[in-house]
Amino acid sequence: MAPVSQLAIAYPFLGAMWLVVMMSASPTYEFLGSLLFLMIGPIFAMGLAVALGLPLRLNHRLSLWWVGNWATYIVLAVAGALLLVWGYNKPERQVGEIDGFTYDVVLPDAGLLMSGFLLLTFLAVNAGFPRRSKRVPPTPRKFRGAQ
């Protein structure tokens, strides 16, 4: 499982990203519901990312490949960022009625935003530094003395 310190460090960044993603993709705003959604949403996403990352942590061979694989980390980060950018640039028209008031708005694509957010959450929760190899102290050389 992901270290608790890594989750604690990732939570503020993911909370801020969750705020930006969800508030931009929401046609309505209610303070109390949005506040609860903003507190619970990142925790749920982090729990989902930890659950999906368990095979990476529990399988020894897969874990050795994953931990410190910077090329994969970069590919996932770029893919998540591209999904977020694509979601903001692809408009989606939403028409509906809430509490007797109709709305007709153009919003960013919520599906692309959510998939980019979940991909970056997976990376933030499961990425890790490579384990340090144990150094074997050199064997002392025998002193031969003068012969």
Protein backbone atom coordinates (compact mmCIF):
# COMPACT_ATOMS: atom_id res chain seq x y z
CA MET A 1 0.00 0.00 0.00
CA ALA A 2 1.09 3.58 -0.54
CA PRO A 3 2.88 5.17 2.41
CA VAL A 4 0.70 7.41 4.56
CA SER A 5 3.21 10.26 4.19
CA GLN A 6 2.83 10.10 0.41
CA LEU A 7 -0.97 10.27 0.76
CA ALA A 8 -0.70 13.22 3.15
CA ILE A 9 1.54 15.10 0.74
CA ALA A 10 -0.68 14.30 -2.27
CA TYR A 11 -3.97 15.31 -0.63
CA PRO A 12 -3.58 19.14 -0.76
CA PHE A 13 -2.53 19.07 -4.41
CA LEU A 14 -5.30 16.67 -5.37
CA GLY A 15 -7.84 18.69 -3.37
CA ALA A 16 -6.92 21.85 -5.27
CA MET A 17 -7.03 20.05 -8.60
CA TRP A 18 -10.40 18.50 -7.65
CA LEU A 19 -11.73 22.00 -6.90
CA VAL A 20 -10.66 23.33 -10.28
CA VAL A 21 -11.92 20.28 -12.20
CA MET A 22 -15.30 19.92 -10.51
CA MET A 23 -16.22 23.58 -10.19
CA SER A 24 -15.48 24.23 -13.85
CA ALA A 25 -17.56 21.23 -14.94
CA SER A 26 -20.57 21.96 -12.71
CA PRO A 27 -23.51 24.01 -14.02
CA THR A 28 -24.79 24.83 -10.52
CA TYR A 29 -23.22 25.82 -7.24
CA GLU A 30 -24.44 25.13 -3.74
CA PHE A 31 -22.06 25.98 -0.91
CA LEU A 32 -22.67 23.18 1.60
CA GLY A 33 -22.98 20.39 -0.96
CA SER A 34 -19.92 21.61 -2.84
CA LEU A 35 -17.92 21.85 0.39
CA LEU A 36 -18.76 18.27 1.35
CA PHE A 37 -18.11 17.11 -2.21
CA LEU A 38 -14.72 18.85 -2.17
CA MET A 39 -13.73 17.18 1.09
CA ILE A 40 -14.92 13.68 0.23
CA GLY A 41 -14.10 13.62 -3.50
CA PRO A 42 -10.28 13.64 -3.28
CA ILE A 43 -10.32 11.08 -0.45
CA PHE A 44 -12.51 8.76 -2.54
CA ALA A 45 -10.28 9.26 -5.60
CA MET A 46 -7.16 8.54 -3.54
CA GLY A 47 -8.76 5.39 -2.12
CA LEU A 48 -9.63 4.25 -5.63
CA ALA A 49 -6.07 4.94 -6.80
CA VAL A 50 -4.63 2.99 -3.86
CA ALA A 51 -6.94 0.06 -4.60
CA LEU A 52 -5.99 0.09 -8.29
CA GLY A 53 -2.31 0.35 -7.39
CA LEU A 54 -2.30 -2.64 -5.06
CA PRO A 55 -1.14 -5.06 -7.78
CA LEU A 56 1.81 -2.75 -8.37
CA ARG A 57 2.71 -2.88 -4.69
CA LEU A 58 1.99 -6.54 -3.90
CA ASN A 59 3.52 -8.29 -6.92
CA HIS A 60 7.28 -8.28 -6.36
CA ARG A 61 8.39 -8.38 -10.01
CA LEU A 62 5.83 -5.77 -11.04
CA SER A 63 6.81 -3.61 -8.07
CA LEU A 64 10.47 -3.72 -9.07
CA TRP A 65 9.53 -2.60 -12.57
CA TRP A 66 7.15 0.15 -11.39
CA VAL A 67 9.11 1.81 -8.58
CA GLY A 68 11.47 4.35 -10.07
CA ASN A 69 10.37 3.82 -13.68
CA TRP A 70 10.60 7.48 -14.62
CA ALA A 71 9.71 6.96 -18.27
CA THR A 72 6.33 5.48 -17.31
CA TYR A 73 5.76 8.26 -14.77
CA ILE A 74 6.39 10.91 -17.42
CA VAL A 75 4.11 9.21 -19.96
CA LEU A 76 1.28 8.98 -17.39
CA ALA A 77 1.76 12.61 -16.30
CA VAL A 78 1.69 13.86 -19.89
CA ALA A 79 -1.36 11.72 -20.68
CA GLY A 80 -3.21 13.05 -17.60
CA ALA A 81 -2.30 16.65 -18.44
CA LEU A 82 -3.38 16.19 -22.05
CA LEU A 83 -6.72 14.76 -20.93
CA LEU A 84 -7.24 17.80 -18.69
CA VAL A 85 -6.32 20.24 -21.47
CA TRP A 86 -8.49 18.38 -23.98
CA GLY A 87 -11.37 18.37 -21.51
CA TYR A 88 -11.16 22.13 -21.03
CA ASN A 89 -10.91 22.79 -24.78
CA LYS A 90 -13.76 20.49 -25.80
CA PRO A 91 -17.04 22.25 -24.93
CA GLU A 92 -20.12 20.33 -23.92
CA ARG A 93 -23.56 21.91 -23.93
CA GLN A 94 -25.78 21.12 -20.96
CA VAL A 95 -29.45 22.00 -20.83
CA GLY A 96 -31.66 21.28 -17.85
CA GLU A 97 -33.85 22.51 -15.05
CA ILE A 98 -32.98 22.82 -11.37
CA ASP A 99 -35.54 24.04 -8.81
CA GLY A 100 -37.79 25.44 -11.52
CA PHE A 101 -35.00 27.41 -13.22
CA THR A 102 -33.81 26.34 -16.63
CA TYR A 103 -30.20 26.56 -17.62
CA ASP A 104 -28.39 26.33 -20.92
CA VAL A 105 -24.64 26.42 -20.46
CA VAL A 106 -21.50 25.36 -22.29
CA LEU A 107 -19.06 23.61 -19.97
CA PRO A 108 -15.81 21.67 -20.32
CA ASP A 109 -16.17 17.93 -20.91
CA ALA A 110 -16.54 16.43 -17.43
CA GLY A 111 -15.60 12.90 -18.52
CA LEU A 112 -12.23 13.95 -19.92
CA LEU A 113 -11.55 16.14 -16.89
CA MET A 114 -12.37 13.32 -14.50
CA SER A 115 -10.26 10.77 -16.38
CA GLY A 116 -7.28 13.14 -16.42
CA PHE A 117 -7.74 13.83 -12.71
CA LEU A 118 -7.95 10.11 -11.88
CA LEU A 119 -4.86 9.33 -13.95
CA LEU A 120 -2.85 12.04 -12.19
CA THR A 121 -4.21 10.85 -8.84
CA PHE A 122 -3.08 7.31 -9.61
CA LEU A 123 0.37 8.63 -10.43
CA ALA A 124 0.59 10.85 -7.33
CA VAL A 125 -0.45 8.05 -4.99
CA ASN A 126 1.50 5.13 -6.49
CA ALA A 127 4.70 6.66 -7.88
CA GLY A 128 7.77 6.09 -5.80
CA PHE A 129 11.49 6.56 -5.67
CA PRO A 130 13.65 3.54 -6.45
CA ARG A 131 14.81 1.52 -3.50
CA ARG A 132 18.40 1.99 -2.57
CA SER A 133 20.54 -1.02 -3.12
CA LYS A 134 22.38 -2.28 -0.09
CA ARG A 135 26.04 -1.61 -0.40
CA VAL A 136 28.23 -4.51 0.43
CA PRO A 137 31.30 -3.34 2.29
CA PRO A 138 34.49 -4.24 0.48
CA THR A 139 36.33 -7.19 1.88
CA PRO A 140 39.51 -6.14 3.64
CA ARG A 141 42.71 -7.06 1.88
CA LYS A 142 45.11 -9.21 3.70
CA PHE A 143 48.39 -7.62 4.57
CA ARG A 144 51.15 -9.66 3.14
CA GLY A 145 53.98 -7.86 4.82
CA ALA A 146 57.51 -7.73 3.56
CA GLN A 147 58.65 -10.95 2.00
